[in-house]
Amino acid sequence: MNKYESSVKTVYAPVERVYARLSDLNNIQPLKEKVDDPRFEELINSQVPADKRPTPEQFQKLRNNIRNLELTQDTLSGHIGPLGDITLRIVERAEPKLVKMELEGAPIQVTLWIQMLPNDENTSRLKVTIGAELNFFIRKMIESKLEKAPEGLAQVLSQLPY
């Protein structure tokens, strides 16, 4: 299994609140509700280099994908373009330090670990690791994206309101 890790991020909230938010996928519901807010596009554009920003058509597809997500405490499911129907399922929780998820329905096996540790009573540290079973050809096609994904996800998670 190939593993890709983020740097350690500081979260300005106690580890118990961070864990509570990230261990229940129903907490993504506010994102679905804000997808039509013009600030959504501004937020995405602020996180992406100018030459990689989505076109208006790509933003519309992203909005539609987010609107159609189905959420439970343990799963996030949706139709993701050419990949089809995919589910991200929480497979392990270790309060308050770990949420482990696996991707189901994808052509490759992917595992996501979100690790949290207390820094002090008001801040936490967070790290994201993605593990993927990749054959040589698929690794060559998507490895550059997988190398960047944990850092981007950790950055987003560290900035969420807890």
C-alpha atoms as a PDB file:
ATOM      1  CA  MET A   1       0.000   0.000   0.000  1.00  0.00           C
ATOM      2  CA  ASN A   2       1.348   3.417  -0.948  1.00  0.00           C
ATOM      3  CA  LYS A   3       0.876   6.057   1.764  1.00  0.00           C
ATOM      4  CA  TYR A   4       0.709   9.816   1.350  1.00  0.00           C
ATOM      5  CA  GLU A   5       0.800  12.095   4.413  1.00  0.00           C
ATOM      6  CA  SER A   6       0.059  15.715   5.187  1.00  0.00           C
ATOM      7  CA  SER A   7       2.100  17.908   7.433  1.00  0.00           C
ATOM      8  CA  VAL A   8       0.781  18.374  10.972  1.00  0.00           C
ATOM      9  CA  LYS A   9      -1.760  21.213  11.134  1.00  0.00           C
ATOM     10  CA  THR A  10      -2.886  23.262  14.126  1.00  0.00           C
ATOM     11  CA  VAL A  11      -6.622  23.385  14.784  1.00  0.00           C
ATOM     12  CA  TYR A  12      -7.891  26.142  17.057  1.00  0.00           C
ATOM     13  CA  ALA A  13     -10.308  23.962  19.014  1.00  0.00           C
ATOM     14  CA  PRO A  14     -10.061  21.282  21.703  1.00  0.00           C
ATOM     15  CA  VAL A  15      -9.427  17.788  20.355  1.00  0.00           C
ATOM     16  CA  GLU A  16     -12.792  16.537  21.708  1.00  0.00           C
ATOM     17  CA  ARG A  17     -14.707  19.032  19.531  1.00  0.00           C
ATOM     18  CA  VAL A  18     -12.575  18.267  16.485  1.00  0.00           C
ATOM     19  CA  TYR A  19     -13.172  14.538  16.916  1.00  0.00           C
ATOM     20  CA  ALA A  20     -16.917  15.026  17.458  1.00  0.00           C
ATOM     21  CA  ARG A  21     -17.197  16.978  14.213  1.00  0.00           C
ATOM     22  CA  LEU A  22     -15.063  14.676  12.063  1.00  0.00           C
ATOM     23  CA  SER A  23     -16.396  11.360  13.391  1.00  0.00           C
ATOM     24  CA  ASP A  24     -19.980  12.038  12.214  1.00  0.00           C
ATOM     25  CA  LEU A  25     -20.349  12.498   8.451  1.00  0.00           C
ATOM     26  CA  ASN A  26     -23.766  14.121   8.979  1.00  0.00           C
ATOM     27  CA  ASN A  27     -21.723  17.183   9.916  1.00  0.00           C
ATOM     28  CA  ILE A  28     -21.047  17.743   6.198  1.00  0.00           C
ATOM     29  CA  GLN A  29     -24.699  18.812   5.803  1.00  0.00           C
ATOM     30  CA  PRO A  30     -23.874  22.549   6.201  1.00  0.00           C
ATOM     31  CA  LEU A  31     -21.611  22.319   3.123  1.00  0.00           C
ATOM     32  CA  LYS A  32     -24.545  21.010   1.097  1.00  0.00           C
ATOM     33  CA  GLU A  33     -26.627  23.933   2.297  1.00  0.00           C
ATOM     34  CA  LYS A  34     -23.974  26.518   1.372  1.00  0.00           C
ATOM     35  CA  VAL A  35     -23.131  25.190  -2.073  1.00  0.00           C
ATOM     36  CA  ASP A  36     -25.238  27.866  -3.820  1.00  0.00           C
ATOM     37  CA  ASP A  37     -23.752  30.724  -1.787  1.00  0.00           C
ATOM     38  CA  PRO A  38     -21.475  32.875  -4.026  1.00  0.00           C
ATOM     39  CA  ARG A  39     -18.854  32.716  -1.285  1.00  0.00           C
ATOM     40  CA  PHE A  40     -18.537  28.959  -1.963  1.00  0.00           C
ATOM     41  CA  GLU A  41     -16.897  29.693  -5.315  1.00  0.00           C
ATOM     42  CA  GLU A  42     -14.710  32.374  -3.726  1.00  0.00           C
ATOM     43  CA  LEU A  43     -13.576  29.897  -1.049  1.00  0.00           C
ATOM     44  CA  ILE A  44     -12.664  27.262  -3.635  1.00  0.00           C
ATOM     45  CA  ASN A  45     -10.827  29.827  -5.771  1.00  0.00           C
ATOM     46  CA  SER A  46      -8.875  31.078  -2.759  1.00  0.00           C
ATOM     47  CA  GLN A  47      -7.552  27.550  -2.142  1.00  0.00           C
ATOM     48  CA  VAL A  48      -6.650  26.709  -5.769  1.00  0.00           C
ATOM     49  CA  PRO A  49      -3.889  28.265  -7.894  1.00  0.00           C
ATOM     50  CA  ALA A  50      -5.235  30.540 -10.639  1.00  0.00           C
ATOM     51  CA  ASP A  51      -4.184  28.220 -13.480  1.00  0.00           C
ATOM     52  CA  LYS A  52      -6.033  25.250 -11.890  1.00  0.00           C
ATOM     53  CA  ARG A  53      -9.328  26.928 -10.940  1.00  0.00           C
ATOM     54  CA  PRO A  54     -12.528  25.277 -12.124  1.00  0.00           C
ATOM     55  CA  THR A  55     -14.464  26.717 -15.044  1.00  0.00           C
ATOM     56  CA  PRO A  56     -18.090  27.813 -14.477  1.00  0.00           C
ATOM     57  CA  GLU A  57     -19.218  24.477 -15.960  1.00  0.00           C
ATOM     58  CA  GLN A  58     -16.945  22.559 -13.578  1.00  0.00           C
ATOM     59  CA  PHE A  59     -18.299  24.571 -10.628  1.00  0.00           C
ATOM     60  CA  GLN A  60     -21.824  23.648 -11.666  1.00  0.00           C
ATOM     61  CA  LYS A  61     -20.895  19.941 -11.792  1.00  0.00           C
ATOM     62  CA  LEU A  62     -19.244  20.254  -8.371  1.00  0.00           C
ATOM     63  CA  ARG A  63     -22.356  21.931  -6.951  1.00  0.00           C
ATOM     64  CA  ASN A  64     -24.591  19.210  -8.403  1.00  0.00           C
ATOM     65  CA  ASN A  65     -22.350  16.457  -6.991  1.00  0.00           C
ATOM     66  CA  ILE A  66     -22.421  18.059  -3.535  1.00  0.00           C
ATOM     67  CA  ARG A  67     -26.211  18.604  -3.635  1.00  0.00           C
ATOM     68  CA  ASN A  68     -26.716  14.925  -4.461  1.00  0.00           C
ATOM     69  CA  LEU A  69     -24.536  13.552  -1.666  1.00  0.00           C
ATOM     70  CA  GLU A  70     -26.277  11.195   0.726  1.00  0.00           C
ATOM     71  CA  LEU A  71     -25.082  11.422   4.317  1.00  0.00           C
ATOM     72  CA  THR A  72     -25.366   9.236   7.383  1.00  0.00           C
ATOM     73  CA  GLN A  73     -23.286   9.211  10.539  1.00  0.00           C
ATOM     74  CA  ASP A  74     -21.006   6.581   8.984  1.00  0.00           C
ATOM     75  CA  THR A  75     -21.219   7.183   5.216  1.00  0.00           C
ATOM     76  CA  LEU A  76     -20.977   9.799   2.517  1.00  0.00           C
ATOM     77  CA  SER A  77     -22.286   8.488  -0.820  1.00  0.00           C
ATOM     78  CA  GLY A  78     -22.698  10.002  -4.237  1.00  0.00           C
ATOM     79  CA  HIS A  79     -22.213   9.719  -7.974  1.00  0.00           C
ATOM     80  CA  ILE A  80     -18.759  11.015  -8.873  1.00  0.00           C
ATOM     81  CA  GLY A  81     -18.450  11.576 -12.621  1.00  0.00           C
ATOM     82  CA  PRO A  82     -16.756   8.735 -14.484  1.00  0.00           C
ATOM     83  CA  LEU A  83     -16.138   6.776 -11.265  1.00  0.00           C
ATOM     84  CA  GLY A  84     -19.849   6.187 -10.729  1.00  0.00           C
ATOM     85  CA  ASP A  85     -21.429   5.593  -7.344  1.00  0.00           C
ATOM     86  CA  ILE A  86     -18.881   5.801  -4.528  1.00  0.00           C
ATOM     87  CA  THR A  87     -19.205   5.583  -0.744  1.00  0.00           C
ATOM     88  CA  LEU A  88     -16.773   6.854   1.861  1.00  0.00           C
ATOM     89  CA  ARG A  89     -17.419   4.788   5.017  1.00  0.00           C
ATOM     90  CA  ILE A  90     -16.066   5.263   8.523  1.00  0.00           C
ATOM     91  CA  VAL A  91     -14.624   1.882   9.475  1.00  0.00           C
ATOM     92  CA  GLU A  92     -12.901   2.758  12.746  1.00  0.00           C
ATOM     93  CA  ARG A  93     -13.175   5.391  15.448  1.00  0.00           C
ATOM     94  CA  ALA A  94     -10.782   5.799  18.356  1.00  0.00           C
ATOM     95  CA  GLU A  95     -12.048   8.703  20.435  1.00  0.00           C
ATOM     96  CA  PRO A  96     -10.623  11.363  20.415  1.00  0.00           C
ATOM     97  CA  LYS A  97      -7.614  10.565  18.259  1.00  0.00           C
ATOM     98  CA  LEU A  98      -8.570   8.731  15.034  1.00  0.00           C
ATOM     99  CA  VAL A  99     -11.199   8.457  12.335  1.00  0.00           C
ATOM    100  CA  LYS A 100     -10.432   5.838   9.677  1.00  0.00           C
ATOM    101  CA  MET A 101     -12.420   5.684   6.440  1.00  0.00           C
ATOM    102  CA  GLU A 102     -12.427   3.471   3.368  1.00  0.00           C
ATOM    103  CA  LEU A 103     -13.644   4.157  -0.141  1.00  0.00           C
ATOM    104  CA  GLU A 104     -16.153   1.653  -1.523  1.00  0.00           C
ATOM    105  CA  GLY A 105     -17.144   1.249  -5.161  1.00  0.00           C
ATOM    106  CA  ALA A 106     -13.920   2.757  -6.517  1.00  0.00           C
ATOM    107  CA  PRO A 107     -11.634   0.910  -8.919  1.00  0.00           C
ATOM    108  CA  ILE A 108      -8.814   1.133  -6.353  1.00  0.00           C
ATOM    109  CA  GLN A 109      -8.659   0.469  -2.620  1.00  0.00           C
ATOM    110  CA  VAL A 110      -8.280   3.749  -0.691  1.00  0.00           C
ATOM    111  CA  THR A 111      -8.024   4.254   3.066  1.00  0.00           C
ATOM    112  CA  LEU A 112      -8.087   7.651   4.785  1.00  0.00           C
ATOM    113  CA  TRP A 113      -6.823   8.259   8.319  1.00  0.00           C
ATOM    114  CA  ILE A 114      -7.503  11.509  10.170  1.00  0.00           C
ATOM    115  CA  GLN A 115      -5.352  11.628  13.295  1.00  0.00           C
ATOM    116  CA  MET A 116      -5.916  14.186  16.043  1.00  0.00           C
ATOM    117  CA  LEU A 117      -3.947  14.964  19.167  1.00  0.00           C
ATOM    118  CA  PRO A 118      -4.427  17.610  21.849  1.00  0.00           C
ATOM    119  CA  ASN A 119      -1.913  20.426  21.740  1.00  0.00           C
ATOM    120  CA  ASP A 120      -3.257  22.198  24.815  1.00  0.00           C
ATOM    121  CA  GLU A 121      -6.779  22.657  26.186  1.00  0.00           C
ATOM    122  CA  ASN A 122      -7.778  25.042  23.350  1.00  0.00           C
ATOM    123  CA  THR A 123      -5.850  23.720  20.334  1.00  0.00           C
ATOM    124  CA  SER A 124      -5.258  20.411  18.604  1.00  0.00           C
ATOM    125  CA  ARG A 125      -2.972  18.941  15.999  1.00  0.00           C
ATOM    126  CA  LEU A 126      -4.301  17.139  12.941  1.00  0.00           C
ATOM    127  CA  LYS A 127      -2.699  14.969  10.265  1.00  0.00           C
ATOM    128  CA  VAL A 128      -4.225  13.236   7.237  1.00  0.00           C
ATOM    129  CA  THR A 129      -2.850  10.060   5.647  1.00  0.00           C
ATOM    130  CA  ILE A 130      -4.164   8.446   2.483  1.00  0.00           C
ATOM    131  CA  GLY A 131      -3.266   4.864   1.675  1.00  0.00           C
ATOM    132  CA  ALA A 132      -3.951   3.388  -1.747  1.00  0.00           C
ATOM    133  CA  GLU A 133      -3.372   0.010  -3.377  1.00  0.00           C
ATOM    134  CA  LEU A 134      -2.102   1.024  -6.805  1.00  0.00           C
ATOM    135  CA  ASN A 135      -0.669  -1.018  -9.613  1.00  0.00           C
ATOM    136  CA  PHE A 136       2.259   0.433 -11.530  1.00  0.00           C
ATOM    137  CA  PHE A 137       0.188   1.997 -14.324  1.00  0.00           C
ATOM    138  CA  ILE A 138      -2.472   3.600 -12.137  1.00  0.00           C
ATOM    139  CA  ARG A 139       0.184   4.891  -9.744  1.00  0.00           C
ATOM    140  CA  LYS A 140       1.925   6.681 -12.625  1.00  0.00           C
ATOM    141  CA  MET A 141      -1.384   8.285 -13.677  1.00  0.00           C
ATOM    142  CA  ILE A 142      -2.634   9.539 -10.295  1.00  0.00           C
ATOM    143  CA  GLU A 143       0.316   9.609  -7.906  1.00  0.00           C
ATOM    144  CA  SER A 144       0.919  13.362  -8.284  1.00  0.00           C
ATOM    145  CA  LYS A 145      -2.688  14.049  -7.237  1.00  0.00           C
ATOM    146  CA  LEU A 146      -2.483  11.598  -4.332  1.00  0.00           C
ATOM    147  CA  GLU A 147       0.700  13.254  -3.096  1.00  0.00           C
ATOM    148  CA  LYS A 148      -1.127  16.618  -2.848  1.00  0.00           C
ATOM    149  CA  ALA A 149      -4.486  15.348  -1.572  1.00  0.00           C
ATOM    150  CA  PRO A 150      -3.626  14.797   2.126  1.00  0.00           C
ATOM    151  CA  GLU A 151      -2.121  18.280   2.467  1.00  0.00           C
ATOM    152  CA  GLY A 152      -5.136  19.938   0.850  1.00  0.00           C
ATOM    153  CA  LEU A 153      -7.604  17.945   2.935  1.00  0.00           C
ATOM    154  CA  ALA A 154      -5.685  18.638   6.159  1.00  0.00           C
ATOM    155  CA  GLN A 155      -5.645  22.362   5.305  1.00  0.00           C
ATOM    156  CA  VAL A 156      -9.417  22.403   4.801  1.00  0.00           C
ATOM    157  CA  LEU A 157     -10.090  20.364   7.963  1.00  0.00           C
ATOM    158  CA  SER A 158      -7.830  22.603  10.053  1.00  0.00           C
ATOM    159  CA  GLN A 159      -9.830  25.666   9.022  1.00  0.00           C
ATOM    160  CA  LEU A 160     -13.331  24.331   9.703  1.00  0.00           C
ATOM    161  CA  PRO A 161     -15.295  25.980  12.479  1.00  0.00           C
ATOM    162  CA  TYR A 162     -15.374  23.620  15.438  1.00  0.00           C
END
